[in-house]
Structure formats: structure tokens, C-alpha cells
Amino acid sequence: MNRLLILFFSLFTFSFSLIAKPKAKVDLWPDGTPIDAWFQNTKKSDTSMLGRKYVLTECGVKADSTLLQTQAIQAVIDRASQEGGGLIVVPRGTTLLSAALFFKPGTNLCVEEGAKLKAIDEIKYYPVLETRIEGETRKYFSAFINADGLDGFTICGGGTIDGQGLRFWEEFWVRRVFNPQCTNVDAMRYRLVYLSNCKNVTVQDVRLVNSPFWTNHLYRCDHVRYLSCYIYSPTSGIGAYGDTSHGGPSTDAIDLDVCHDVLIDDCYMSVNDDAVVLKGGKGTWADQKPENGPNSHIIVQNCRYGVVHGCLTIGSESLHSSNIILRNITFSKAQRVLWLKMRPDTPQHYENIRLENLSGTCNSFLVVKPWTQFYTPGDRPDMPVSKAHNVTIQGVDVESNNFFDVSLSDKYQLYDFTFTDNKVKDKKKAFDPQLIEQTTVRNMTIE
């Protein structure tokens, strides 16, 4: 009898434990599919696992901050690749001056804390080659740090990669006075970091500052992690002819151009343009060009923003962006938080976007408007109508001048927006859920 009671009690306890334990919550993309476990890995790369260390000052590069040493540094990169790969190290306490550098298979870059890798601020040292710029594949200047087709590329260390952009910013604003229609391509500038056709990339702990143009530009990359980076350009004090009200123009923090599986975690961004930007192509026939394409499965989380034009911006050169999450962030003095640039000359599709657990102060929170800067509509009889839908904004605590800055157009459709559990202080009080079809509002307060 005792054995039967013990068996019964054991079975009862086991059954109760199965019932009592709820299933772990599965993290989902906005379209309802599970988020891959890869996105849970925010552990920093172990630099000891990146191969042999090639300390530049021990490999023929002089510890001289005034001497241009592009060839000497590139020679170490090439040698490391030929010898099976390794970690190119700018050692602590050293400042090195270089022009465009091209990282090869197996090589990685470490700028140690207290070290600086500095770009020479003369455009003649940056080769013109076929690259990707402003939603087009064309001839343009290389970046300062370049990598193409690499698997496992890492940029690490607590040091600084400095673009020395002041000269280019001032020239840009002089050019704008002379020609108000001057485009970014007209102004001859290099980007700080350009990664193309790369996968399994980690950029961690580094300070990426003062880029003349876009700070980080990634084209056709996947499984990319930006961890605990500091990305900065001045947002005031720059200009021309006595007007110093401007900042470093077009110094976007991170531009993702036809990329997927990207994690941006615990970064600080303050730049004189947009922070995280999704690109992919522009033009009336952009969706028919093989070099263009979508962005998908991107998470930006646990980040802090200073002054930026947009915390998360989709456009202006973007085709299809889907499964995008911005969560657990704080912002201060952001011009916009979510900015959907609807370009009339480009077929665009923005869907499955979720913002959650956001707090801070901004001028505008949600901005959806036509983007007509430097656009050239073509004659296309079957031109698709652009659309943005399945956008969720939940758990935000925000103080803004204009929370809901939305305009309608016959060039695009907006539908299926959801606002849930939001606390908003809004000076303009222009929130109008009827403006967007199929809008759902739950537990939202606006003061």
C-alpha cells in the first residue's frame, strides 16, 4: 500500500509540475515568426580567438601621428592575410595617420583603448572605384576602412577611429551657399567604414567619430552585430562665412543597404543626420535592378541617442523593409524617432515594424511624409503604389512637440497601425487615429 501511495504521489507531483510551469515566452518578429537564437548573442568577441596579433608598431609602422603611413599599414594587412589571418592592432597610446585601408580575408582590426586610427583629410588619397552610394551602384570614393566579401570580420577595442571630417563639412556648407541644390554625391567625401558582401561581422566597443560622410555603410551584409559602440559627429558649431549653426552634414550613424540579420545593441549615437537608416535603392525602376533589394530582420535595442534627425529612418533610398524592431531605447533631443520617408519616384513597401519600451524627449515621434528632395519621377505605367503597414508602437513614454506628424498622399497607402500602452506628452495634440486606415488604439494617454 505504501509503495502505491508513493507512486501515486510522485505521479501527481510530476503532473502538477507540468501544469504549473508556463511555457517560456517566445520572442517574435512583428510578422509572428520566431526570432532566431542568433539575436540573443550579445557577448563580445574574444580577441584572443582572432588569430595572431600583428601590432603595427612592431611590424614596421612608426609611432608617428603626423606621418602618412597608408602603404606600411596596408602591407601588414596583406601579410597577415597571406599568413592565415590575424588581428591588426593599433597599440595603446599610439595615433596613426592613414588613407584608405582594405581588409583582406582572415584579417581583423583592433584599435586599443587610448589608441587612435586617424584618416587623412585629403580626398586625393581615396581611390575612385565602383561602390554603393545613395541607393545606387556607381563610381565614387572609397571609405577609410573597407572590407568586401569577408566572413568573420571584426573591428574591436576601446580606441577611436577618427574621420577628421571638419575640412569636408566646411567645404560642404560653402558649396551649399554657392549651389543650394548641391547633393551629397556632388560633395566629394569619404565614408568612415564601408563593409560590402560580408557576413558574421562584429563591431564592438570602438569610438567611430567625425566621419566626413556616412559613418558606417553596410551593403549586402548579413549577421552583423554592433555592440557597445560610440558613434558621434558634431551637431552644431560648423558652417561657412560666419554661420556656424550647422553640424557635420550627412554623417548618418549606421546605414543598412540591402542587409538582413543585423543586431545593434547598447550603442550611443549622436550625429548630424539620421542614426540607423534602412536603404536599398531608389528610382522609378529601382525594384527591377538586381543590385537593389530589401532589408529584413533587424533589431536595434538598448541604445541611447543624443541629437539625431531620426532614431530609426526608413528611406529615402529604400524599397522593401520588413521585420524591424526598435526596443528598449532612450533618446534626448531627437528630431524624430520613427521616420518613414515616402519617396514619390520609388516603389516602397515598409511593413512589420515594431517600436516598444521607448522613452525620452523629441520634436516629432512618428513622421510619415512624402520625401521629395532630389527625386526624379519617371514614366512608368505600372508604377506600384507604395505602402506602409503593420506598424506597432507600444510601451512608449515620450515628451514631444508633435507626436503624430503624418501626411497622406495618393502616392502611398497607410494602414494597420497599432498604438498600445503609451504615455505621451504632446504640445501639438495632433494625434488622429482615423487618418490611417485600420488603426488600433489601446490604453493610450496624451497630455
Protein backbone atom coordinates (compact mmCIF):
# COMPACT_ATOMS: atom_id res chain seq x y z
CA MET A 1 0.00 0.00 0.00
CA ASN A 2 2.79 2.45 0.94
CA ARG A 3 4.53 1.80 -2.35
CA LEU A 4 1.29 2.54 -4.22
CA LEU A 5 0.80 5.80 -2.29
CA ILE A 6 4.36 6.86 -3.00
CA LEU A 7 3.94 6.06 -6.70
CA PHE A 8 0.63 7.96 -6.84
CA PHE A 9 2.12 10.98 -5.05
CA SER A 10 5.12 11.00 -7.39
CA LEU A 11 2.92 10.89 -10.49
CA PHE A 12 0.66 13.63 -9.08
CA THR A 13 3.64 15.86 -8.30
CA PHE A 14 5.14 15.33 -11.77
CA SER A 15 1.81 16.08 -13.45
CA PHE A 16 1.31 19.20 -11.33
CA SER A 17 4.79 20.45 -12.24
CA LEU A 18 3.97 20.09 -15.93
CA ILE A 19 0.78 22.07 -15.45
CA ALA A 20 2.26 24.70 -13.12
CA LYS A 21 5.21 25.68 -15.31
CA PRO A 22 4.11 28.07 -18.06
CA LYS A 23 5.83 27.88 -21.37
CA ALA A 24 8.66 30.35 -21.89
CA LYS A 25 7.60 33.33 -23.94
CA VAL A 26 8.89 33.08 -27.47
CA ASP A 27 10.36 36.29 -28.87
CA LEU A 28 8.63 37.00 -32.18
CA TRP A 29 9.16 39.22 -35.17
CA PRO A 30 6.31 41.61 -35.99
CA ASP A 31 5.06 39.16 -38.64
CA GLY A 32 4.65 36.49 -35.93
CA THR A 33 7.59 34.28 -36.85
CA PRO A 34 10.14 33.32 -34.12
CA ILE A 35 13.27 35.42 -33.73
CA ASP A 36 16.34 33.28 -34.34
CA ALA A 37 18.53 32.49 -31.33
CA TRP A 38 21.42 34.30 -33.05
CA PHE A 39 19.89 37.62 -31.93
CA GLN A 40 20.28 36.66 -28.25
CA ASN A 41 24.06 36.63 -28.50
CA THR A 42 25.34 39.98 -27.23
CA LYS A 43 28.57 38.51 -25.89
CA LYS A 44 31.63 40.37 -27.11
CA SER A 45 34.05 38.64 -29.45
CA ASP A 46 37.08 37.16 -27.72
CA THR A 47 40.05 38.90 -29.34
CA SER A 48 42.33 36.03 -28.34
CA MET A 49 40.38 33.88 -30.79
CA LEU A 50 41.01 36.20 -33.74
CA GLY A 51 44.43 34.79 -34.59
CA ARG A 52 47.94 36.07 -34.34
CA LYS A 53 48.38 39.69 -33.28
CA TYR A 54 50.13 41.99 -35.72
CA VAL A 55 50.98 45.04 -33.61
CA LEU A 56 51.55 47.73 -36.21
CA THR A 57 54.37 49.48 -34.39
CA GLU A 58 56.19 46.14 -34.19
CA CYS A 59 55.71 45.48 -37.91
CA GLY A 60 57.44 48.44 -39.49
CA VAL A 61 54.84 51.17 -38.83
CA LYS A 62 56.26 54.17 -36.98
CA ALA A 63 54.61 55.60 -33.86
CA ASP A 64 54.28 59.00 -35.50
CA SER A 65 50.87 60.71 -35.64
CA THR A 66 51.99 63.20 -38.32
CA LEU A 67 53.37 60.69 -40.82
CA LEU A 68 51.05 59.29 -43.50
CA GLN A 69 51.61 55.51 -43.40
CA THR A 70 48.94 54.01 -45.61
CA GLN A 71 51.29 51.74 -47.55
CA ALA A 72 53.02 50.44 -44.44
CA ILE A 73 49.74 49.63 -42.68
CA GLN A 74 48.27 48.03 -45.81
CA ALA A 75 51.39 45.90 -46.15
CA VAL A 76 50.81 44.47 -42.67
CA ILE A 77 47.17 43.72 -43.53
CA ASP A 78 48.21 41.95 -46.73
CA ARG A 79 50.92 39.99 -44.96
CA ALA A 80 48.55 38.88 -42.19
CA SER A 81 46.05 37.62 -44.76
CA GLN A 82 48.73 35.71 -46.64
CA GLU A 83 49.92 34.11 -43.40
CA GLY A 84 46.48 32.81 -42.47
CA GLY A 85 44.90 35.87 -40.91
CA GLY A 86 45.06 37.65 -37.60
CA LEU A 87 44.38 40.81 -35.62
CA ILE A 88 45.83 44.11 -36.85
CA VAL A 89 46.48 46.12 -33.69
CA VAL A 90 46.87 49.85 -33.19
CA PRO A 91 48.51 49.76 -29.75
CA ARG A 92 47.53 51.77 -26.70
CA GLY A 93 48.92 55.30 -26.63
CA THR A 94 49.53 55.40 -30.40
CA THR A 95 47.96 57.63 -33.04
CA LEU A 96 48.46 56.55 -36.65
CA LEU A 97 47.58 58.52 -39.79
CA SER A 98 46.39 56.71 -42.92
CA ALA A 99 44.26 56.94 -46.03
CA ALA A 100 42.00 54.19 -47.39
CA LEU A 101 42.69 50.73 -45.95
CA PHE A 102 41.34 47.48 -47.41
CA PHE A 103 41.00 44.50 -45.10
CA LYS A 104 41.57 41.07 -46.59
CA PRO A 105 40.30 37.54 -45.78
CA GLY A 106 41.15 36.45 -42.25
CA THR A 107 42.14 39.91 -41.02
CA ASN A 108 40.51 41.91 -38.23
CA LEU A 109 41.13 45.33 -36.71
CA CYS A 110 41.75 46.23 -33.07
CA VAL A 111 42.22 49.85 -32.01
CA GLU A 112 43.16 49.52 -28.36
CA GLU A 113 41.81 51.81 -25.67
CA GLY A 114 43.84 55.01 -25.72
CA ALA A 115 44.82 54.49 -29.37
CA LYS A 116 43.58 56.30 -32.46
CA LEU A 117 43.48 55.44 -36.15
CA LYS A 118 43.11 58.73 -37.98
CA ALA A 119 42.04 59.39 -41.59
CA ILE A 120 44.00 61.89 -43.62
CA ASP A 121 41.61 64.66 -44.65
CA GLU A 122 42.60 64.96 -48.34
CA ILE A 123 40.27 63.33 -50.86
CA LYS A 124 43.09 62.67 -53.34
CA TYR A 125 44.22 59.75 -51.18
CA TYR A 126 40.90 57.89 -51.52
CA PRO A 127 40.57 55.96 -54.79
CA VAL A 128 37.52 56.26 -57.00
CA LEU A 129 36.04 52.81 -57.56
CA GLU A 130 32.73 51.10 -58.13
CA THR A 131 30.85 51.22 -54.87
CA ARG A 132 27.41 51.82 -53.48
CA ILE A 133 26.22 55.32 -52.63
CA GLU A 134 22.79 56.89 -52.01
CA GLY A 135 20.85 53.89 -53.30
CA GLU A 136 22.90 53.44 -56.46
CA THR A 137 25.86 51.36 -57.62
CA ARG A 138 28.29 53.80 -59.19
CA LYS A 139 31.79 55.20 -59.20
CA TYR A 140 32.60 57.06 -56.01
CA PHE A 141 35.33 57.42 -53.42
CA SER A 142 36.33 54.56 -51.19
CA ALA A 143 35.79 54.71 -47.47
CA PHE A 144 38.56 54.98 -44.88
CA ILE A 145 38.06 51.41 -43.57
CA ASN A 146 36.95 48.99 -46.32
CA ALA A 147 36.11 45.28 -46.35
CA ASP A 148 34.47 43.27 -49.12
CA GLY A 149 33.42 39.63 -49.17
CA LEU A 150 34.79 38.77 -45.74
CA ASP A 151 33.41 36.12 -43.38
CA GLY A 152 34.01 36.73 -39.68
CA PHE A 153 35.39 40.28 -39.85
CA THR A 154 35.73 42.07 -36.50
CA ILE A 155 36.50 45.67 -35.51
CA CYS A 156 37.18 45.90 -31.79
CA GLY A 157 38.99 47.66 -28.99
CA GLY A 158 38.13 50.69 -26.90
CA GLY A 159 40.04 53.12 -29.10
CA THR A 160 38.98 55.67 -31.72
CA ILE A 161 38.63 55.63 -35.49
CA ASP A 162 38.58 59.31 -36.42
CA GLY A 163 37.46 60.53 -39.85
CA GLN A 164 38.74 64.11 -39.36
CA GLY A 165 35.71 65.47 -41.18
CA LEU A 166 35.93 69.18 -40.34
CA ARG A 167 37.51 70.24 -43.61
CA PHE A 168 34.84 68.41 -45.63
CA TRP A 169 31.95 69.70 -43.54
CA GLU A 170 33.06 73.29 -44.02
CA GLU A 171 33.52 72.77 -47.76
CA PHE A 172 30.04 71.26 -47.95
CA TRP A 173 28.39 74.30 -46.38
CA VAL A 174 30.40 76.65 -48.61
CA ARG A 175 29.20 74.62 -51.61
CA ARG A 176 25.59 74.85 -50.37
CA VAL A 177 25.84 78.63 -50.25
CA PHE A 178 27.09 78.65 -53.84
CA ASN A 179 24.66 75.94 -55.02
CA PRO A 180 21.67 75.24 -52.74
CA GLN A 181 20.86 72.14 -54.84
CA CYS A 182 24.23 70.54 -54.16
CA THR A 183 23.77 66.83 -53.44
CA ASN A 184 25.83 64.53 -51.26
CA VAL A 185 27.43 62.98 -54.33
CA ASP A 186 28.48 66.41 -55.59
CA ALA A 187 30.41 66.97 -52.38
CA MET A 188 33.50 64.75 -52.64
CA ARG A 189 33.79 62.93 -49.30
CA TYR A 190 34.78 59.52 -47.99
CA ARG A 191 32.79 57.43 -45.55
CA LEU A 192 34.39 56.19 -42.37
CA VAL A 193 33.55 52.46 -42.65
CA TYR A 194 32.19 50.60 -45.69
CA LEU A 195 31.50 46.86 -45.50
CA SER A 196 30.11 45.07 -48.54
CA ASN A 197 29.16 41.43 -49.15
CA CYS A 198 30.33 40.50 -45.65
CA LYS A 199 28.82 38.14 -43.09
CA ASN A 200 29.42 37.26 -39.45
CA VAL A 201 30.65 40.76 -38.67
CA THR A 202 31.14 42.22 -35.19
CA VAL A 203 31.94 45.86 -34.47
CA GLN A 204 32.36 46.32 -30.73
CA ASP A 205 33.50 48.89 -28.17
CA VAL A 206 35.08 51.30 -30.67
CA ARG A 207 34.55 55.04 -30.98
CA LEU A 208 33.61 55.92 -34.56
CA VAL A 209 33.74 59.70 -34.85
CA ASN A 210 33.92 62.69 -37.17
CA SER A 211 33.17 60.98 -40.46
CA PRO A 212 33.11 63.35 -43.44
CA PHE A 213 30.06 61.48 -44.80
CA TRP A 214 28.11 58.41 -43.61
CA THR A 215 29.83 56.87 -40.60
CA ASN A 216 29.03 53.18 -41.19
CA HIS A 217 27.67 51.92 -44.51
CA LEU A 218 26.88 48.24 -44.96
CA TYR A 219 25.85 46.83 -48.34
CA ARG A 220 24.63 43.26 -48.83
CA CYS A 221 25.83 42.16 -45.41
CA ASP A 222 24.23 39.69 -43.01
CA HIS A 223 24.66 38.52 -39.44
CA VAL A 224 26.18 41.79 -38.34
CA ARG A 225 26.47 42.93 -34.71
CA TYR A 226 27.25 46.44 -33.46
CA LEU A 227 27.90 46.13 -29.71
CA SER A 228 28.62 48.98 -27.28
CA CYS A 229 29.90 51.40 -29.91
CA TYR A 230 30.11 55.19 -29.60
CA ILE A 231 29.15 56.92 -32.86
CA TYR A 232 29.45 60.69 -33.00
CA SER A 233 29.70 63.76 -35.19
CA PRO A 234 29.15 67.38 -34.13
CA THR A 235 25.60 68.68 -34.47
CA SER A 236 26.45 72.37 -34.23
CA GLY A 237 29.37 74.77 -34.49
CA ILE A 238 30.02 74.06 -38.19
CA GLY A 239 29.22 76.25 -41.17
CA ALA A 240 30.51 78.81 -43.63
CA TYR A 241 31.00 82.58 -43.84
CA GLY A 242 30.36 83.14 -40.16
CA ASP A 243 27.27 80.96 -39.92
CA THR A 244 28.22 78.18 -37.53
CA SER A 245 24.71 76.90 -36.81
CA HIS A 246 25.21 73.65 -38.73
CA GLY A 247 26.75 70.29 -37.87
CA GLY A 248 28.65 67.67 -39.83
CA PRO A 249 26.34 67.09 -42.84
CA SER A 250 25.04 63.62 -43.75
CA THR A 251 27.02 61.81 -41.08
CA ASP A 252 24.46 59.00 -40.58
CA ALA A 253 25.46 56.61 -37.80
CA ILE A 254 24.65 53.25 -39.46
CA ASP A 255 23.26 52.83 -43.00
CA LEU A 256 21.96 49.34 -43.80
CA ASP A 257 21.70 48.86 -47.55
CA VAL A 258 20.19 45.51 -48.69
CA CYS A 259 21.09 43.79 -45.41
CA HIS A 260 19.48 41.16 -43.20
CA ASP A 261 20.02 39.73 -39.73
CA VAL A 262 21.51 42.77 -38.04
CA LEU A 263 21.72 43.44 -34.29
CA ILE A 264 22.61 46.88 -32.92
CA ASP A 265 22.88 46.68 -29.13
CA ASP A 266 23.97 49.06 -26.37
CA CYS A 267 25.30 51.77 -28.68
CA TYR A 268 25.36 55.54 -28.28
CA MET A 269 24.57 57.59 -31.38
CA SER A 270 24.65 61.36 -31.80
CA VAL A 271 25.16 62.59 -35.36
CA ASN A 272 24.07 65.44 -37.56
CA ASP A 273 21.68 63.27 -39.58
CA ASP A 274 19.79 60.02 -39.12
CA ALA A 275 21.02 57.33 -36.74
CA VAL A 276 20.00 53.89 -38.04
CA VAL A 277 18.88 54.15 -41.66
CA LEU A 278 17.45 51.45 -43.94
CA LYS A 279 18.32 51.86 -47.61
CA GLY A 280 18.16 49.60 -50.66
CA GLY A 281 17.65 51.53 -53.88
CA LYS A 282 15.90 54.50 -55.42
CA GLY A 283 14.21 55.43 -58.66
CA THR A 284 11.09 54.55 -60.60
CA TRP A 285 12.52 51.20 -61.76
CA ALA A 286 14.61 50.50 -58.65
CA ASP A 287 12.69 47.30 -57.87
CA GLN A 288 13.80 45.82 -61.22
CA LYS A 289 17.54 46.33 -60.70
CA PRO A 290 19.38 43.30 -59.26
CA GLU A 291 21.85 45.40 -57.28
CA ASN A 292 18.97 46.76 -55.18
CA GLY A 293 16.92 44.84 -52.64
CA PRO A 294 15.24 44.57 -49.24
CA ASN A 295 16.30 44.94 -45.64
CA SER A 296 14.89 42.49 -43.12
CA HIS A 297 15.25 41.07 -39.62
CA ILE A 298 16.92 44.00 -37.92
CA ILE A 299 16.87 44.71 -34.17
CA VAL A 300 18.06 47.95 -32.58
CA GLN A 301 17.94 47.65 -28.79
CA ASN A 302 19.28 49.09 -25.53
CA CYS A 303 20.69 52.12 -27.32
CA ARG A 304 20.96 55.76 -26.30
CA TYR A 305 20.54 58.68 -28.66
CA GLY A 306 21.71 62.25 -28.43
CA VAL A 307 20.85 64.74 -31.18
CA VAL A 308 19.81 62.85 -34.32
CA HIS A 309 17.47 63.64 -37.20
CA GLY A 310 15.81 60.22 -36.85
CA CYS A 311 16.40 57.36 -34.41
CA LEU A 312 15.10 54.85 -36.98
CA THR A 313 14.64 56.08 -40.54
CA ILE A 314 13.39 54.02 -43.45
CA GLY A 315 14.27 55.77 -46.70
CA SER A 316 14.89 57.87 -48.53
CA GLU A 317 16.53 55.24 -50.74
CA SER A 318 14.59 52.17 -49.61
CA LEU A 319 12.49 49.55 -51.39
CA HIS A 320 11.22 46.84 -49.04
CA SER A 321 11.91 46.80 -45.30
CA SER A 322 10.30 44.14 -43.10
CA ASN A 323 10.61 42.73 -39.59
CA ILE A 324 12.28 45.72 -37.98
CA ILE A 325 12.34 46.18 -34.19
CA LEU A 326 13.39 49.23 -32.18
CA ARG A 327 13.18 48.50 -28.44
CA ASN A 328 14.43 49.47 -25.01
CA ILE A 329 15.96 52.77 -26.06
CA THR A 330 16.24 56.26 -24.64
CA PHE A 331 16.61 59.47 -26.60
CA SER A 332 17.25 63.11 -25.86
CA LYS A 333 16.61 65.96 -28.28
CA ALA A 334 15.93 63.63 -31.22
CA GLN A 335 14.24 65.40 -34.11
CA ARG A 336 12.22 62.27 -34.94
CA VAL A 337 12.01 58.76 -33.56
CA LEU A 338 10.41 56.74 -36.38
CA TRP A 339 10.67 58.43 -39.77
CA LEU A 340 9.13 56.80 -42.82
CA LYS A 341 10.34 58.68 -45.88
CA MET A 342 7.85 58.06 -48.67
CA ARG A 343 9.63 58.79 -51.93
CA PRO A 344 7.19 59.53 -54.81
CA ASP A 345 9.57 58.33 -57.54
CA THR A 346 10.30 54.91 -55.92
CA PRO A 347 8.04 51.90 -55.26
CA GLN A 348 8.36 51.35 -51.50
CA HIS A 349 6.97 48.78 -49.09
CA TYR A 350 7.51 49.19 -45.35
CA GLU A 351 5.93 46.52 -43.17
CA ASN A 352 6.18 44.60 -39.90
CA ILE A 353 7.76 47.32 -37.80
CA ARG A 354 7.57 47.39 -34.00
CA LEU A 355 8.68 50.04 -31.51
CA GLU A 356 8.48 49.07 -27.85
CA ASN A 357 9.65 50.38 -24.50
CA LEU A 358 10.98 53.75 -25.66
CA SER A 359 11.39 56.89 -23.58
CA GLY A 360 12.75 60.39 -23.96
CA THR A 361 12.21 63.80 -25.48
CA CYS A 362 11.88 64.56 -29.18
CA ASN A 363 10.50 67.10 -31.59
CA SER A 364 8.34 64.58 -33.50
CA PHE A 365 7.81 60.92 -32.68
CA LEU A 366 6.14 59.35 -35.71
CA VAL A 367 6.75 61.08 -39.05
CA VAL A 368 5.28 59.80 -42.32
CA LYS A 369 5.54 62.24 -45.20
CA PRO A 370 6.47 62.43 -48.88
CA TRP A 371 10.23 62.78 -49.40
CA THR A 372 10.86 64.95 -52.43
CA GLN A 373 14.47 66.04 -52.03
CA PHE A 374 16.43 65.38 -55.24
CA TYR A 375 13.88 63.00 -56.73
CA THR A 376 13.21 62.43 -60.43
CA PRO A 377 9.93 60.63 -61.20
CA GLY A 378 9.98 58.53 -64.35
CA ASP A 379 7.26 57.49 -66.76
CA ARG A 380 6.16 54.01 -65.62
CA PRO A 381 2.59 52.94 -66.41
CA ASP A 382 2.64 50.06 -63.91
CA MET A 383 4.22 52.07 -61.09
CA PRO A 384 3.20 50.32 -57.81
CA VAL A 385 1.61 52.41 -55.09
CA SER A 386 3.91 52.48 -52.07
CA LYS A 387 2.60 51.33 -48.70
CA ALA A 388 3.41 51.14 -45.02
CA HIS A 389 1.51 48.78 -42.74
CA ASN A 390 1.65 46.55 -39.67
CA VAL A 391 3.42 49.22 -37.62
CA THR A 392 3.15 48.83 -33.84
CA ILE A 393 4.10 51.44 -31.25
CA GLN A 394 3.78 50.16 -27.70
CA GLY A 395 5.05 50.97 -24.23
CA VAL A 396 6.45 54.41 -25.01
CA ASP A 397 6.83 57.24 -22.51
CA VAL A 398 7.64 60.30 -24.54
CA GLU A 399 7.55 64.08 -24.41
CA SER A 400 7.24 65.67 -27.86
CA ASN A 401 6.26 68.78 -29.73
CA ASN A 402 4.37 66.74 -32.33
CA PHE A 403 3.86 63.05 -31.58
CA PHE A 404 1.86 62.28 -34.73
CA ASP A 405 3.30 64.06 -37.78
CA VAL A 406 1.57 62.17 -40.58
CA SER A 407 0.55 63.32 -44.05
CA LEU A 408 -1.48 61.41 -46.63
CA SER A 409 -0.72 61.19 -50.34
CA ASP A 410 -2.08 59.47 -53.43
CA LYS A 411 1.41 58.03 -53.90
CA TYR A 412 1.23 55.73 -50.86
CA GLN A 413 -1.14 53.83 -48.60
CA LEU A 414 -1.00 53.70 -44.81
CA TYR A 415 -2.93 51.07 -42.87
CA ASP A 416 -2.84 48.70 -39.89
CA PHE A 417 -1.06 50.85 -37.30
CA THR A 418 -1.36 49.94 -33.61
CA PHE A 419 -0.77 52.18 -30.58
CA THR A 420 -0.77 50.31 -27.25
CA ASP A 421 0.11 51.22 -23.64
CA ASN A 422 1.62 54.60 -24.49
CA LYS A 423 2.03 57.67 -22.29
CA VAL A 424 2.55 60.82 -24.35
CA LYS A 425 3.05 64.49 -23.59
CA ASP A 426 2.33 66.25 -26.87
CA LYS A 427 2.28 70.01 -27.36
CA LYS A 428 0.53 69.93 -30.71
CA LYS A 429 -2.02 67.24 -29.79
CA ALA A 430 -2.49 66.27 -33.44
CA PHE A 431 -2.95 62.54 -32.86
CA ASP A 432 -5.67 61.41 -35.28
CA PRO A 433 -6.05 57.62 -35.47
CA GLN A 434 -8.69 57.98 -38.18
CA LEU A 435 -6.09 59.36 -40.56
CA ILE A 436 -4.62 55.87 -41.02
CA GLU A 437 -6.91 53.02 -42.04
CA GLN A 438 -7.37 50.12 -39.63
CA THR A 439 -5.67 51.92 -36.75
CA THR A 440 -6.00 50.33 -33.31
CA VAL A 441 -5.56 52.34 -30.10
CA ARG A 442 -5.45 50.71 -26.66
CA ASN A 443 -4.63 52.25 -23.30
CA MET A 444 -3.07 55.43 -24.60
CA THR A 445 -2.90 58.74 -22.76
CA ILE A 446 -1.99 62.05 -24.38
CA GLU A 447 -1.46 65.17 -22.32
